[in-house]
Amino acid sequence: MDELTRYRTTDLYLFSDDDLTPLATALQARLPALCIGVNRLAHPHREAWYCNFSIDGGPDGPAEEPEPGIAAVLAVIEALDPPQRSAWAGCSQRVFDVAYDCGRGPFAFRQELSAETLGRLASAGAALRVTLYSEPGTSQEDSDAGRD
């Protein structure tokens, strides 16, 4: 890492009691995002499904900030046909996870989502999560791993 704080990626995580394969297929057909996979989760009392998409930008390559990718995904979600929209609504969790690599500079690093995008996220029933990745070699786990 070059020790600068920067936007890394946005992932969309979906969880449902129903098979997410049809929804994932519909989203993949309309998105510049990469579907990482649809998986059946081991759950002792019921069937559960998990799917995630990596939203790394668009046709112009990796994005410098999360809003364009999130807005593009929301546009697709808002335009889903009724069966896929029902599958979306049936998800127990719909999470946009915005990730950053955290370095030693700059002193302050700011990015924002517009009120419009935040409103669209809420209307879609989605949550927003922020994940911060530390510099390699600076976390306690890295220090502990070096003691072996």
N, C-alpha and C. Protein backbone atom coordinates (compact mmCIF):
# COMPACT_ATOMS: atom_id res chain seq x y z
N MET A 1 0.84 -1.17 0.00
CA MET A 1 0.00 0.00 0.00
C MET A 1 0.89 1.23 0.00
N ASP A 2 0.41 2.30 -0.61
CA ASP A 2 1.23 3.50 -0.72
C ASP A 2 1.03 4.46 0.45
N GLU A 3 0.41 4.00 1.51
CA GLU A 3 0.22 4.75 2.75
C GLU A 3 -0.76 5.91 2.62
N LEU A 4 -1.54 5.95 1.55
CA LEU A 4 -2.57 6.98 1.40
C LEU A 4 -3.94 6.36 1.64
N THR A 5 -4.79 7.10 2.33
CA THR A 5 -6.16 6.67 2.50
C THR A 5 -6.89 6.88 1.18
N ARG A 6 -7.63 5.85 0.76
CA ARG A 6 -8.35 5.96 -0.50
C ARG A 6 -9.52 4.97 -0.53
N TYR A 7 -10.47 5.31 -1.40
CA TYR A 7 -11.60 4.43 -1.65
C TYR A 7 -11.09 3.14 -2.27
N ARG A 8 -11.61 2.01 -1.80
CA ARG A 8 -11.19 0.70 -2.31
C ARG A 8 -12.24 0.08 -3.23
N THR A 9 -13.45 -0.11 -2.71
CA THR A 9 -14.52 -0.77 -3.47
C THR A 9 -15.83 -0.65 -2.70
N THR A 10 -16.91 -0.99 -3.36
CA THR A 10 -18.21 -1.15 -2.70
C THR A 10 -18.70 -2.55 -3.05
N ASP A 11 -19.17 -3.26 -2.04
CA ASP A 11 -19.78 -4.56 -2.24
C ASP A 11 -21.25 -4.48 -1.85
N LEU A 12 -22.08 -5.21 -2.57
CA LEU A 12 -23.49 -5.35 -2.24
C LEU A 12 -23.69 -6.77 -1.73
N TYR A 13 -24.16 -6.90 -0.50
CA TYR A 13 -24.41 -8.20 0.12
C TYR A 13 -25.92 -8.40 0.26
N LEU A 14 -26.40 -9.56 -0.17
CA LEU A 14 -27.81 -9.91 -0.06
C LEU A 14 -27.95 -11.22 0.70
N PHE A 15 -28.91 -11.28 1.60
CA PHE A 15 -29.23 -12.50 2.35
C PHE A 15 -30.73 -12.73 2.24
N SER A 16 -31.11 -13.99 2.06
CA SER A 16 -32.52 -14.32 1.90
C SER A 16 -32.79 -15.77 2.29
N ASP A 17 -34.04 -16.05 2.62
CA ASP A 17 -34.46 -17.43 2.83
C ASP A 17 -34.75 -18.12 1.50
N ASP A 18 -34.88 -17.33 0.44
CA ASP A 18 -35.19 -17.87 -0.89
C ASP A 18 -33.95 -17.87 -1.77
N ASP A 19 -33.95 -18.74 -2.75
CA ASP A 19 -32.85 -18.84 -3.71
C ASP A 19 -32.65 -17.49 -4.39
N LEU A 20 -31.44 -16.96 -4.32
CA LEU A 20 -31.13 -15.65 -4.90
C LEU A 20 -30.63 -15.73 -6.34
N THR A 21 -30.55 -16.93 -6.90
CA THR A 21 -30.01 -17.08 -8.25
C THR A 21 -30.78 -16.26 -9.29
N PRO A 22 -32.13 -16.29 -9.32
CA PRO A 22 -32.83 -15.48 -10.33
C PRO A 22 -32.58 -13.97 -10.17
N LEU A 23 -32.55 -13.50 -8.94
CA LEU A 23 -32.29 -12.07 -8.70
C LEU A 23 -30.86 -11.72 -9.11
N ALA A 24 -29.90 -12.56 -8.73
CA ALA A 24 -28.50 -12.31 -9.09
C ALA A 24 -28.33 -12.29 -10.61
N THR A 25 -29.01 -13.19 -11.30
CA THR A 25 -28.92 -13.24 -12.76
C THR A 25 -29.49 -11.96 -13.37
N ALA A 26 -30.63 -11.50 -12.85
CA ALA A 26 -31.24 -10.27 -13.37
C ALA A 26 -30.35 -9.06 -13.11
N LEU A 27 -29.76 -8.98 -11.94
CA LEU A 27 -28.87 -7.86 -11.63
C LEU A 27 -27.60 -7.91 -12.49
N GLN A 28 -27.02 -9.10 -12.61
CA GLN A 28 -25.78 -9.26 -13.38
C GLN A 28 -25.98 -8.86 -14.84
N ALA A 29 -27.16 -9.14 -15.38
CA ALA A 29 -27.43 -8.81 -16.78
C ALA A 29 -27.49 -7.30 -17.02
N ARG A 30 -27.74 -6.54 -15.97
CA ARG A 30 -27.94 -5.08 -16.12
C ARG A 30 -26.86 -4.24 -15.46
N LEU A 31 -25.90 -4.88 -14.79
CA LEU A 31 -24.92 -4.12 -14.00
C LEU A 31 -23.51 -4.26 -14.53
N PRO A 32 -22.71 -3.19 -14.35
CA PRO A 32 -21.29 -3.31 -14.64
C PRO A 32 -20.53 -3.89 -13.44
N ALA A 33 -21.26 -4.53 -12.54
CA ALA A 33 -20.67 -5.08 -11.32
C ALA A 33 -20.37 -6.56 -11.52
N LEU A 34 -19.47 -7.05 -10.72
CA LEU A 34 -19.07 -8.45 -10.78
C LEU A 34 -19.82 -9.23 -9.70
N CYS A 35 -20.59 -10.24 -10.11
CA CYS A 35 -21.26 -11.10 -9.15
C CYS A 35 -20.24 -12.11 -8.65
N ILE A 36 -19.94 -12.04 -7.37
CA ILE A 36 -18.96 -12.93 -6.77
C ILE A 36 -19.53 -14.34 -6.63
N GLY A 37 -20.82 -14.43 -6.43
CA GLY A 37 -21.44 -15.74 -6.35
C GLY A 37 -22.71 -15.76 -5.55
N VAL A 38 -23.49 -16.81 -5.78
CA VAL A 38 -24.70 -17.09 -5.01
C VAL A 38 -24.44 -18.39 -4.29
N ASN A 39 -24.64 -18.38 -2.99
CA ASN A 39 -24.33 -19.57 -2.19
C ASN A 39 -25.46 -19.90 -1.24
N ARG A 40 -25.67 -21.18 -1.07
CA ARG A 40 -26.60 -21.65 -0.06
C ARG A 40 -25.81 -21.73 1.24
N LEU A 41 -26.35 -21.13 2.29
CA LEU A 41 -25.67 -21.10 3.58
C LEU A 41 -26.08 -22.30 4.42
N ALA A 42 -25.17 -22.80 5.17
CA ALA A 42 -25.48 -23.88 6.12
C ALA A 42 -26.21 -23.26 7.30
N HIS A 43 -27.43 -23.64 7.46
CA HIS A 43 -28.26 -23.13 8.56
C HIS A 43 -29.02 -24.31 9.13
N PRO A 44 -28.99 -24.50 10.42
CA PRO A 44 -29.57 -25.73 10.98
C PRO A 44 -31.09 -25.85 10.89
N HIS A 45 -31.81 -24.73 10.80
CA HIS A 45 -33.27 -24.80 10.89
C HIS A 45 -34.01 -24.36 9.64
N ARG A 46 -33.30 -23.80 8.68
CA ARG A 46 -33.98 -23.34 7.47
C ARG A 46 -32.96 -23.17 6.36
N GLU A 47 -33.47 -23.05 5.14
CA GLU A 47 -32.61 -22.78 4.01
C GLU A 47 -32.31 -21.28 3.99
N ALA A 48 -31.09 -20.92 3.71
CA ALA A 48 -30.71 -19.51 3.63
C ALA A 48 -29.75 -19.33 2.46
N TRP A 49 -29.80 -18.16 1.84
CA TRP A 49 -29.00 -17.86 0.66
C TRP A 49 -28.25 -16.55 0.86
N TYR A 50 -27.09 -16.48 0.20
CA TYR A 50 -26.22 -15.31 0.29
C TYR A 50 -25.69 -15.01 -1.11
N CYS A 51 -25.60 -13.74 -1.43
CA CYS A 51 -25.05 -13.33 -2.72
C CYS A 51 -24.30 -12.02 -2.51
N ASN A 52 -23.19 -11.83 -3.23
CA ASN A 52 -22.57 -10.52 -3.19
C ASN A 52 -22.04 -10.10 -4.55
N PHE A 53 -22.05 -8.80 -4.73
CA PHE A 53 -21.57 -8.15 -5.94
C PHE A 53 -20.45 -7.20 -5.57
N SER A 54 -19.44 -7.13 -6.38
CA SER A 54 -18.38 -6.15 -6.23
C SER A 54 -18.65 -5.02 -7.21
N ILE A 55 -18.81 -3.82 -6.67
CA ILE A 55 -19.15 -2.65 -7.47
C ILE A 55 -17.90 -1.77 -7.52
N ASP A 56 -17.03 -2.03 -8.47
CA ASP A 56 -15.73 -1.36 -8.50
C ASP A 56 -15.66 -0.18 -9.45
N GLY A 57 -16.74 0.19 -10.03
CA GLY A 57 -16.71 1.29 -10.99
C GLY A 57 -17.56 0.97 -12.19
N GLY A 58 -17.23 1.56 -13.29
CA GLY A 58 -18.02 1.36 -14.49
C GLY A 58 -17.14 1.11 -15.68
N PRO A 59 -17.63 1.48 -16.86
CA PRO A 59 -16.87 1.22 -18.08
C PRO A 59 -15.56 1.99 -18.15
N ASP A 60 -15.43 3.04 -17.34
CA ASP A 60 -14.21 3.85 -17.35
C ASP A 60 -13.16 3.33 -16.38
N GLY A 61 -13.41 2.19 -15.75
CA GLY A 61 -12.44 1.62 -14.81
C GLY A 61 -12.82 1.87 -13.37
N PRO A 62 -11.87 1.63 -12.47
CA PRO A 62 -12.16 1.78 -11.04
C PRO A 62 -12.57 3.21 -10.69
N ALA A 63 -13.47 3.31 -9.77
CA ALA A 63 -13.97 4.61 -9.34
C ALA A 63 -13.09 5.20 -8.24
N GLU A 64 -13.15 6.48 -8.11
CA GLU A 64 -12.41 7.19 -7.06
C GLU A 64 -13.26 7.35 -5.81
N GLU A 65 -14.57 7.14 -5.96
CA GLU A 65 -15.51 7.31 -4.85
C GLU A 65 -16.70 6.37 -5.04
N PRO A 66 -17.46 6.12 -3.99
CA PRO A 66 -18.52 5.10 -4.07
C PRO A 66 -19.82 5.53 -4.74
N GLU A 67 -20.14 6.81 -4.73
CA GLU A 67 -21.48 7.22 -5.17
C GLU A 67 -21.87 6.80 -6.58
N PRO A 68 -21.02 6.95 -7.60
CA PRO A 68 -21.46 6.55 -8.95
C PRO A 68 -21.86 5.08 -9.05
N GLY A 69 -21.10 4.20 -8.43
CA GLY A 69 -21.43 2.77 -8.47
C GLY A 69 -22.71 2.46 -7.73
N ILE A 70 -22.87 3.05 -6.55
CA ILE A 70 -24.09 2.83 -5.76
C ILE A 70 -25.30 3.35 -6.53
N ALA A 71 -25.19 4.55 -7.12
CA ALA A 71 -26.30 5.12 -7.88
C ALA A 71 -26.67 4.24 -9.07
N ALA A 72 -25.67 3.68 -9.75
CA ALA A 72 -25.94 2.81 -10.90
C ALA A 72 -26.68 1.55 -10.46
N VAL A 73 -26.27 0.96 -9.35
CA VAL A 73 -26.94 -0.24 -8.85
C VAL A 73 -28.37 0.09 -8.42
N LEU A 74 -28.55 1.22 -7.75
CA LEU A 74 -29.90 1.61 -7.33
C LEU A 74 -30.81 1.81 -8.53
N ALA A 75 -30.29 2.38 -9.62
CA ALA A 75 -31.11 2.57 -10.83
C ALA A 75 -31.59 1.23 -11.37
N VAL A 76 -30.73 0.23 -11.33
CA VAL A 76 -31.11 -1.11 -11.79
C VAL A 76 -32.16 -1.71 -10.86
N ILE A 77 -31.94 -1.58 -9.57
CA ILE A 77 -32.88 -2.12 -8.58
C ILE A 77 -34.25 -1.48 -8.74
N GLU A 78 -34.27 -0.16 -8.92
CA GLU A 78 -35.54 0.56 -9.06
C GLU A 78 -36.30 0.16 -10.32
N ALA A 79 -35.58 -0.36 -11.32
CA ALA A 79 -36.20 -0.74 -12.59
C ALA A 79 -36.46 -2.25 -12.72
N LEU A 80 -36.24 -3.00 -11.64
CA LEU A 80 -36.46 -4.45 -11.71
C LEU A 80 -37.91 -4.78 -12.02
N ASP A 81 -38.11 -5.88 -12.73
CA ASP A 81 -39.45 -6.40 -12.98
C ASP A 81 -40.06 -6.85 -11.65
N PRO A 82 -41.40 -6.91 -11.57
CA PRO A 82 -42.05 -7.28 -10.30
C PRO A 82 -41.52 -8.56 -9.64
N PRO A 83 -41.25 -9.67 -10.37
CA PRO A 83 -40.74 -10.86 -9.67
C PRO A 83 -39.37 -10.62 -9.02
N GLN A 84 -38.48 -9.93 -9.74
CA GLN A 84 -37.17 -9.66 -9.15
C GLN A 84 -37.26 -8.62 -8.04
N ARG A 85 -38.14 -7.65 -8.20
CA ARG A 85 -38.32 -6.63 -7.15
C ARG A 85 -38.86 -7.29 -5.89
N SER A 86 -39.72 -8.28 -6.05
CA SER A 86 -40.23 -9.04 -4.91
C SER A 86 -39.12 -9.83 -4.24
N ALA A 87 -38.23 -10.42 -5.06
CA ALA A 87 -37.08 -11.15 -4.50
C ALA A 87 -36.18 -10.20 -3.72
N TRP A 88 -35.96 -9.00 -4.27
CA TRP A 88 -35.17 -7.97 -3.56
C TRP A 88 -35.83 -7.64 -2.23
N ALA A 89 -37.13 -7.37 -2.27
CA ALA A 89 -37.85 -7.02 -1.04
C ALA A 89 -37.85 -8.16 -0.04
N GLY A 90 -37.76 -9.40 -0.52
CA GLY A 90 -37.76 -10.56 0.36
C GLY A 90 -36.43 -10.83 1.04
N CYS A 91 -35.39 -10.10 0.66
CA CYS A 91 -34.09 -10.29 1.31
C CYS A 91 -34.15 -9.81 2.76
N SER A 92 -33.58 -10.59 3.64
CA SER A 92 -33.54 -10.19 5.05
C SER A 92 -32.49 -9.11 5.29
N GLN A 93 -31.47 -9.06 4.43
CA GLN A 93 -30.46 -8.01 4.49
C GLN A 93 -30.07 -7.60 3.08
N ARG A 94 -29.93 -6.28 2.89
CA ARG A 94 -29.46 -5.69 1.64
C ARG A 94 -28.45 -4.62 2.07
N VAL A 95 -27.17 -4.91 1.94
CA VAL A 95 -26.14 -4.05 2.51
C VAL A 95 -25.16 -3.59 1.43
N PHE A 96 -25.00 -2.29 1.30
CA PHE A 96 -23.95 -1.71 0.48
C PHE A 96 -22.78 -1.44 1.43
N ASP A 97 -21.68 -2.14 1.22
CA ASP A 97 -20.51 -2.04 2.08
C ASP A 97 -19.42 -1.26 1.35
N VAL A 98 -19.17 -0.03 1.80
CA VAL A 98 -18.18 0.85 1.19
C VAL A 98 -16.86 0.66 1.93
N ALA A 99 -15.81 0.29 1.20
CA ALA A 99 -14.53 -0.04 1.83
C ALA A 99 -13.45 0.96 1.44
N TYR A 100 -12.59 1.22 2.43
CA TYR A 100 -11.47 2.14 2.24
C TYR A 100 -10.18 1.50 2.74
N ASP A 101 -9.09 1.77 2.04
CA ASP A 101 -7.75 1.46 2.53
C ASP A 101 -7.31 2.67 3.34
N CYS A 102 -6.89 2.45 4.57
CA CYS A 102 -6.51 3.55 5.44
C CYS A 102 -4.99 3.64 5.55
N GLY A 103 -4.47 4.76 5.16
CA GLY A 103 -3.04 5.00 5.24
C GLY A 103 -2.73 6.10 6.23
N ARG A 104 -1.54 6.62 6.12
CA ARG A 104 -1.08 7.65 7.05
C ARG A 104 -1.38 9.05 6.56
N GLY A 105 -1.91 9.18 5.41
CA GLY A 105 -2.22 10.51 4.87
C GLY A 105 -3.37 10.38 3.89
N PRO A 106 -3.93 11.44 3.48
CA PRO A 106 -3.70 12.80 3.95
C PRO A 106 -4.24 13.00 5.36
N PHE A 107 -4.01 14.17 5.93
CA PHE A 107 -4.47 14.46 7.28
C PHE A 107 -5.96 14.20 7.42
N ALA A 108 -6.74 14.65 6.44
CA ALA A 108 -8.20 14.44 6.44
C ALA A 108 -8.60 13.91 5.06
N PHE A 109 -9.43 12.89 5.06
CA PHE A 109 -9.91 12.29 3.82
C PHE A 109 -11.42 12.26 3.91
N ARG A 110 -12.09 12.90 2.96
CA ARG A 110 -13.55 12.99 3.02
C ARG A 110 -14.17 12.56 1.69
N GLN A 111 -15.25 11.80 1.82
CA GLN A 111 -16.10 11.50 0.68
C GLN A 111 -17.52 11.50 1.22
N GLU A 112 -18.45 11.71 0.33
CA GLU A 112 -19.84 11.75 0.80
C GLU A 112 -20.76 11.10 -0.21
N LEU A 113 -21.92 10.73 0.31
CA LEU A 113 -23.04 10.32 -0.54
C LEU A 113 -24.05 11.45 -0.47
N SER A 114 -24.61 11.80 -1.60
CA SER A 114 -25.59 12.88 -1.64
C SER A 114 -26.86 12.49 -0.90
N ALA A 115 -27.63 13.49 -0.52
CA ALA A 115 -28.92 13.24 0.13
C ALA A 115 -29.82 12.43 -0.79
N GLU A 116 -29.74 12.68 -2.09
CA GLU A 116 -30.57 11.94 -3.04
C GLU A 116 -30.21 10.45 -3.00
N THR A 117 -28.92 10.13 -3.04
CA THR A 117 -28.50 8.73 -3.03
C THR A 117 -28.86 8.08 -1.70
N LEU A 118 -28.66 8.77 -0.60
CA LEU A 118 -29.04 8.23 0.71
C LEU A 118 -30.55 7.96 0.78
N GLY A 119 -31.34 8.86 0.21
CA GLY A 119 -32.80 8.65 0.17
C GLY A 119 -33.17 7.44 -0.68
N ARG A 120 -32.49 7.28 -1.80
CA ARG A 120 -32.74 6.12 -2.66
C ARG A 120 -32.34 4.82 -1.96
N LEU A 121 -31.22 4.84 -1.23
CA LEU A 121 -30.81 3.67 -0.44
C LEU A 121 -31.90 3.30 0.56
N ALA A 122 -32.39 4.30 1.28
CA ALA A 122 -33.43 4.04 2.28
C ALA A 122 -34.72 3.54 1.61
N SER A 123 -35.09 4.13 0.49
CA SER A 123 -36.30 3.69 -0.21
C SER A 123 -36.18 2.25 -0.71
N ALA A 124 -34.97 1.85 -1.05
CA ALA A 124 -34.74 0.48 -1.52
C ALA A 124 -34.64 -0.51 -0.36
N GLY A 125 -34.68 0.00 0.86
CA GLY A 125 -34.58 -0.88 2.02
C GLY A 125 -33.17 -1.40 2.25
N ALA A 126 -32.19 -0.66 1.78
CA ALA A 126 -30.80 -1.10 1.90
C ALA A 126 -30.11 -0.37 3.04
N ALA A 127 -29.12 -1.03 3.61
CA ALA A 127 -28.29 -0.45 4.65
C ALA A 127 -26.96 -0.02 4.04
N LEU A 128 -26.29 0.88 4.73
CA LEU A 128 -24.96 1.34 4.32
C LEU A 128 -23.98 0.97 5.42
N ARG A 129 -22.91 0.31 5.02
CA ARG A 129 -21.85 -0.07 5.97
C ARG A 129 -20.54 0.51 5.43
N VAL A 130 -19.67 0.92 6.34
CA VAL A 130 -18.34 1.40 5.97
C VAL A 130 -17.31 0.46 6.59
N THR A 131 -16.39 -0.05 5.76
CA THR A 131 -15.33 -0.93 6.22
C THR A 131 -14.00 -0.22 5.99
N LEU A 132 -13.17 -0.17 7.04
CA LEU A 132 -11.86 0.47 6.95
C LEU A 132 -10.79 -0.60 7.07
N TYR A 133 -9.93 -0.69 6.07
CA TYR A 133 -8.84 -1.65 6.09
C TYR A 133 -7.56 -0.95 6.51
N SER A 134 -6.88 -1.51 7.51
CA SER A 134 -5.64 -0.90 7.97
C SER A 134 -4.51 -1.22 7.00
N GLU A 135 -3.44 -0.47 7.14
CA GLU A 135 -2.24 -0.74 6.35
C GLU A 135 -1.70 -2.11 6.72
N PRO A 136 -1.24 -2.90 5.75
CA PRO A 136 -0.62 -4.18 6.10
C PRO A 136 0.57 -3.94 7.04
N GLY A 137 0.67 -4.80 8.04
CA GLY A 137 1.77 -4.69 8.99
C GLY A 137 1.51 -3.77 10.16
N THR A 138 0.29 -3.16 10.22
CA THR A 138 0.01 -2.23 11.31
C THR A 138 -1.05 -2.74 12.28
N SER A 139 -1.73 -3.83 11.96
CA SER A 139 -2.79 -4.32 12.84
C SER A 139 -2.22 -5.29 13.87
N GLN A 140 -2.97 -5.52 14.93
CA GLN A 140 -2.55 -6.46 15.96
C GLN A 140 -2.41 -7.87 15.41
N GLU A 141 -3.33 -8.26 14.47
CA GLU A 141 -3.24 -9.58 13.87
C GLU A 141 -1.92 -9.76 13.10
N ASP A 142 -1.49 -8.69 12.39
CA ASP A 142 -0.21 -8.76 11.67
C ASP A 142 0.94 -8.92 12.65
N SER A 143 0.87 -8.22 13.77
CA SER A 143 1.94 -8.31 14.77
C SER A 143 1.98 -9.70 15.38
N ASP A 144 0.79 -10.26 15.68
CA ASP A 144 0.72 -11.59 16.27
C ASP A 144 1.21 -12.65 15.29
N ALA A 145 0.91 -12.48 13.99
CA ALA A 145 1.32 -13.47 12.99
C ALA A 145 2.84 -13.54 12.85
N GLY A 146 3.51 -12.43 13.09
CA GLY A 146 4.95 -12.41 12.97
C GLY A 146 5.68 -13.09 14.12
N ARG A 147 4.94 -13.44 15.16
CA ARG A 147 5.56 -14.08 16.34
C ARG A 147 5.67 -15.58 16.20
N ASP A 148 5.08 -16.17 15.20
CA ASP A 148 5.11 -17.64 15.05
C ASP A 148 6.47 -18.18 14.74
